[in-house]
Amino acid sequence: MEKKAGALECRDHDAALALEKYLGKLDFPGARSRKAVGPPPKSDGPEARCVNLQVRSDPAGMRRMLEAGALTMPRSGRLPK
């Protein structure tokens, strides 16, 4: 079982909240669990711009997810609402 986590930095607090919502809706093929955690409410430091993403999967599932482009940004550069 492989567990990968990473902090994704956004331009501001609102963008971080939008990214958290977007990641929460994504399907991660083969993942046993996933969790996206946005910035704490009322935070104004550097943590206000970060979203933590954690995906738990076997190595083959992680590879399939990355090859499928599950985490690519839409061509418009904007997250869907």
N, C-alpha and C. Protein backbone atom coordinates (compact mmCIF):
# COMPACT_ATOMS: atom_id res chain seq x y z
N MET A 1 0.84 -1.18 0.00
CA MET A 1 0.00 0.00 0.00
C MET A 1 0.89 1.24 0.00
N GLU A 2 0.65 2.11 -0.93
CA GLU A 2 1.44 3.32 -1.03
C GLU A 2 0.56 4.50 -0.66
N LYS A 3 1.13 5.43 0.06
CA LYS A 3 0.40 6.62 0.48
C LYS A 3 1.21 7.82 0.05
N LYS A 4 0.60 8.68 -0.73
CA LYS A 4 1.27 9.90 -1.18
C LYS A 4 0.48 11.09 -0.68
N ALA A 5 1.17 12.08 -0.22
CA ALA A 5 0.52 13.31 0.23
C ALA A 5 1.33 14.48 -0.26
N GLY A 6 0.66 15.57 -0.49
CA GLY A 6 1.37 16.75 -0.93
C GLY A 6 0.56 18.00 -0.67
N ALA A 7 1.25 19.10 -0.46
CA ALA A 7 0.59 20.39 -0.26
C ALA A 7 0.64 21.14 -1.59
N LEU A 8 -0.49 21.61 -2.02
CA LEU A 8 -0.61 22.36 -3.26
C LEU A 8 -0.83 23.82 -2.88
N GLU A 9 0.04 24.68 -3.35
CA GLU A 9 -0.05 26.10 -2.98
C GLU A 9 -0.82 26.86 -4.05
N CYS A 10 -1.77 27.66 -3.61
CA CYS A 10 -2.62 28.46 -4.50
C CYS A 10 -2.26 29.94 -4.37
N ARG A 11 -2.85 30.76 -5.20
CA ARG A 11 -2.52 32.18 -5.19
C ARG A 11 -3.12 32.92 -4.00
N ASP A 12 -4.27 32.44 -3.49
CA ASP A 12 -4.89 33.09 -2.34
C ASP A 12 -5.86 32.12 -1.65
N HIS A 13 -6.47 32.59 -0.58
CA HIS A 13 -7.37 31.76 0.23
C HIS A 13 -8.56 31.27 -0.58
N ASP A 14 -9.17 32.14 -1.38
CA ASP A 14 -10.34 31.74 -2.17
C ASP A 14 -9.99 30.67 -3.20
N ALA A 15 -8.83 30.80 -3.81
CA ALA A 15 -8.38 29.79 -4.78
C ALA A 15 -8.15 28.45 -4.08
N ALA A 16 -7.62 28.48 -2.87
CA ALA A 16 -7.38 27.25 -2.11
C ALA A 16 -8.71 26.57 -1.78
N LEU A 17 -9.71 27.34 -1.40
CA LEU A 17 -11.03 26.77 -1.11
C LEU A 17 -11.65 26.15 -2.37
N ALA A 18 -11.49 26.82 -3.51
CA ALA A 18 -12.02 26.29 -4.77
C ALA A 18 -11.30 25.00 -5.16
N LEU A 19 -9.99 24.94 -4.96
CA LEU A 19 -9.23 23.73 -5.28
C LEU A 19 -9.63 22.58 -4.37
N GLU A 20 -9.84 22.86 -3.08
CA GLU A 20 -10.28 21.81 -2.16
C GLU A 20 -11.61 21.22 -2.63
N LYS A 21 -12.53 22.07 -3.02
CA LYS A 21 -13.85 21.62 -3.49
C LYS A 21 -13.70 20.78 -4.77
N TYR A 22 -12.88 21.25 -5.70
CA TYR A 22 -12.65 20.55 -6.96
C TYR A 22 -12.04 19.17 -6.72
N LEU A 23 -11.00 19.09 -5.89
CA LEU A 23 -10.35 17.81 -5.61
C LEU A 23 -11.29 16.85 -4.91
N GLY A 24 -12.19 17.38 -4.10
CA GLY A 24 -13.16 16.53 -3.41
C GLY A 24 -14.14 15.85 -4.35
N LYS A 25 -14.34 16.43 -5.54
CA LYS A 25 -15.27 15.87 -6.52
C LYS A 25 -14.60 14.91 -7.49
N LEU A 26 -13.27 14.94 -7.59
CA LEU A 26 -12.57 14.09 -8.56
C LEU A 26 -12.66 12.62 -8.20
N ASP A 27 -12.69 11.80 -9.24
CA ASP A 27 -12.64 10.35 -9.07
C ASP A 27 -11.18 9.93 -9.22
N PHE A 28 -10.67 9.19 -8.27
CA PHE A 28 -9.31 8.70 -8.33
C PHE A 28 -9.40 7.19 -8.57
N PRO A 29 -9.29 6.74 -9.83
CA PRO A 29 -9.45 5.32 -10.14
C PRO A 29 -8.47 4.46 -9.37
N GLY A 30 -8.98 3.44 -8.73
CA GLY A 30 -8.13 2.51 -8.01
C GLY A 30 -7.69 2.96 -6.63
N ALA A 31 -8.05 4.16 -6.22
CA ALA A 31 -7.65 4.64 -4.90
C ALA A 31 -8.54 4.04 -3.83
N ARG A 32 -7.94 3.63 -2.73
CA ARG A 32 -8.73 3.10 -1.61
C ARG A 32 -9.33 4.22 -0.79
N SER A 33 -8.62 5.32 -0.72
CA SER A 33 -9.15 6.50 -0.02
C SER A 33 -8.47 7.75 -0.55
N ARG A 34 -9.12 8.86 -0.35
CA ARG A 34 -8.54 10.14 -0.73
C ARG A 34 -9.07 11.20 0.22
N LYS A 35 -8.27 12.22 0.41
CA LYS A 35 -8.70 13.29 1.31
C LYS A 35 -8.05 14.58 0.84
N ALA A 36 -8.87 15.60 0.66
CA ALA A 36 -8.38 16.94 0.34
C ALA A 36 -8.77 17.85 1.50
N VAL A 37 -7.78 18.52 2.06
CA VAL A 37 -8.02 19.40 3.21
C VAL A 37 -7.54 20.80 2.87
N GLY A 38 -8.48 21.73 2.88
CA GLY A 38 -8.16 23.11 2.54
C GLY A 38 -7.63 23.88 3.74
N PRO A 39 -7.49 25.17 3.55
CA PRO A 39 -6.92 26.01 4.61
C PRO A 39 -7.86 26.13 5.80
N PRO A 40 -7.29 26.35 6.99
CA PRO A 40 -8.12 26.55 8.16
C PRO A 40 -8.95 27.83 7.99
N PRO A 41 -10.17 27.83 8.53
CA PRO A 41 -10.99 29.05 8.44
C PRO A 41 -10.29 30.21 9.14
N LYS A 42 -10.46 31.37 8.60
CA LYS A 42 -9.93 32.61 9.18
C LYS A 42 -8.41 32.63 9.29
N SER A 43 -7.74 31.85 8.46
CA SER A 43 -6.28 31.90 8.48
C SER A 43 -5.81 32.95 7.47
N ASP A 44 -4.71 33.61 7.79
CA ASP A 44 -4.20 34.62 6.87
C ASP A 44 -2.70 34.49 6.62
N GLY A 45 -2.10 33.48 7.19
CA GLY A 45 -0.67 33.23 6.97
C GLY A 45 -0.48 32.40 5.71
N PRO A 46 0.72 31.86 5.53
CA PRO A 46 1.01 31.04 4.35
C PRO A 46 0.09 29.83 4.22
N GLU A 47 -0.36 29.29 5.34
CA GLU A 47 -1.24 28.11 5.31
C GLU A 47 -2.60 28.42 4.69
N ALA A 48 -2.95 29.69 4.57
CA ALA A 48 -4.24 30.08 3.98
C ALA A 48 -4.28 29.80 2.49
N ARG A 49 -3.12 29.55 1.88
CA ARG A 49 -3.07 29.31 0.44
C ARG A 49 -2.81 27.84 0.10
N CYS A 50 -2.78 26.97 1.08
CA CYS A 50 -2.41 25.57 0.82
C CYS A 50 -3.58 24.61 0.95
N VAL A 51 -3.55 23.60 0.08
CA VAL A 51 -4.50 22.48 0.13
C VAL A 51 -3.66 21.22 0.22
N ASN A 52 -3.97 20.37 1.17
CA ASN A 52 -3.27 19.09 1.30
C ASN A 52 -4.11 18.01 0.64
N LEU A 53 -3.46 17.21 -0.17
CA LEU A 53 -4.12 16.10 -0.85
C LEU A 53 -3.44 14.81 -0.45
N GLN A 54 -4.24 13.84 -0.02
CA GLN A 54 -3.70 12.54 0.36
C GLN A 54 -4.48 11.47 -0.40
N VAL A 55 -3.76 10.60 -1.10
CA VAL A 55 -4.37 9.51 -1.85
C VAL A 55 -3.72 8.21 -1.40
N ARG A 56 -4.55 7.23 -1.10
CA ARG A 56 -4.04 5.92 -0.67
C ARG A 56 -4.41 4.89 -1.74
N SER A 57 -3.39 4.22 -2.27
CA SER A 57 -3.59 3.26 -3.35
C SER A 57 -2.39 2.34 -3.42
N ASP A 58 -2.56 1.22 -4.12
CA ASP A 58 -1.39 0.39 -4.38
C ASP A 58 -0.59 1.08 -5.49
N PRO A 59 0.68 0.73 -5.67
CA PRO A 59 1.51 1.42 -6.67
C PRO A 59 0.92 1.39 -8.08
N ALA A 60 0.34 0.26 -8.48
CA ALA A 60 -0.24 0.17 -9.83
C ALA A 60 -1.43 1.13 -9.97
N GLY A 61 -2.23 1.25 -8.93
CA GLY A 61 -3.37 2.18 -8.96
C GLY A 61 -2.91 3.62 -9.02
N MET A 62 -1.84 3.95 -8.30
CA MET A 62 -1.29 5.31 -8.33
C MET A 62 -0.78 5.62 -9.73
N ARG A 63 -0.12 4.65 -10.35
CA ARG A 63 0.40 4.84 -11.71
C ARG A 63 -0.75 5.06 -12.69
N ARG A 64 -1.82 4.25 -12.59
CA ARG A 64 -2.98 4.41 -13.48
C ARG A 64 -3.60 5.79 -13.31
N MET A 65 -3.71 6.25 -12.08
CA MET A 65 -4.31 7.55 -11.82
C MET A 65 -3.49 8.66 -12.49
N LEU A 66 -2.18 8.61 -12.35
CA LEU A 66 -1.32 9.64 -12.92
C LEU A 66 -1.30 9.57 -14.44
N GLU A 67 -1.31 8.35 -14.99
CA GLU A 67 -1.32 8.20 -16.45
C GLU A 67 -2.64 8.66 -17.05
N ALA A 68 -3.72 8.52 -16.29
CA ALA A 68 -5.04 8.93 -16.78
C ALA A 68 -5.19 10.44 -16.78
N GLY A 69 -4.27 11.14 -16.13
CA GLY A 69 -4.35 12.60 -16.07
C GLY A 69 -5.42 13.08 -15.11
N ALA A 70 -5.70 12.30 -14.08
CA ALA A 70 -6.76 12.64 -13.14
C ALA A 70 -6.53 13.98 -12.44
N LEU A 71 -5.28 14.40 -12.35
CA LEU A 71 -4.99 15.65 -11.63
C LEU A 71 -4.57 16.78 -12.55
N THR A 72 -4.85 16.67 -13.83
CA THR A 72 -4.45 17.75 -14.73
C THR A 72 -5.45 18.90 -14.67
N MET A 73 -4.94 20.08 -14.89
CA MET A 73 -5.76 21.29 -14.87
C MET A 73 -6.51 21.40 -16.21
N PRO A 74 -7.76 21.83 -16.19
CA PRO A 74 -8.48 22.03 -17.45
C PRO A 74 -7.75 23.04 -18.33
N ARG A 75 -7.92 22.92 -19.65
CA ARG A 75 -7.22 23.80 -20.60
C ARG A 75 -7.50 25.27 -20.34
N SER A 76 -8.67 25.57 -19.82
CA SER A 76 -9.02 26.98 -19.56
C SER A 76 -8.17 27.58 -18.45
N GLY A 77 -7.54 26.71 -17.65
CA GLY A 77 -6.76 27.22 -16.51
C GLY A 77 -7.63 27.56 -15.32
N ARG A 78 -8.93 27.31 -15.44
CA ARG A 78 -9.87 27.60 -14.35
C ARG A 78 -10.53 26.30 -13.89
N LEU A 79 -10.78 26.21 -12.60
CA LEU A 79 -11.45 25.05 -12.06
C LEU A 79 -12.94 25.13 -12.39
N PRO A 80 -13.58 23.99 -12.73
CA PRO A 80 -15.01 24.01 -12.94
C PRO A 80 -15.75 24.32 -11.65
N LYS A 81 -16.88 24.93 -11.75
CA LYS A 81 -17.66 25.29 -10.54
C LYS A 81 -18.47 24.13 -10.05
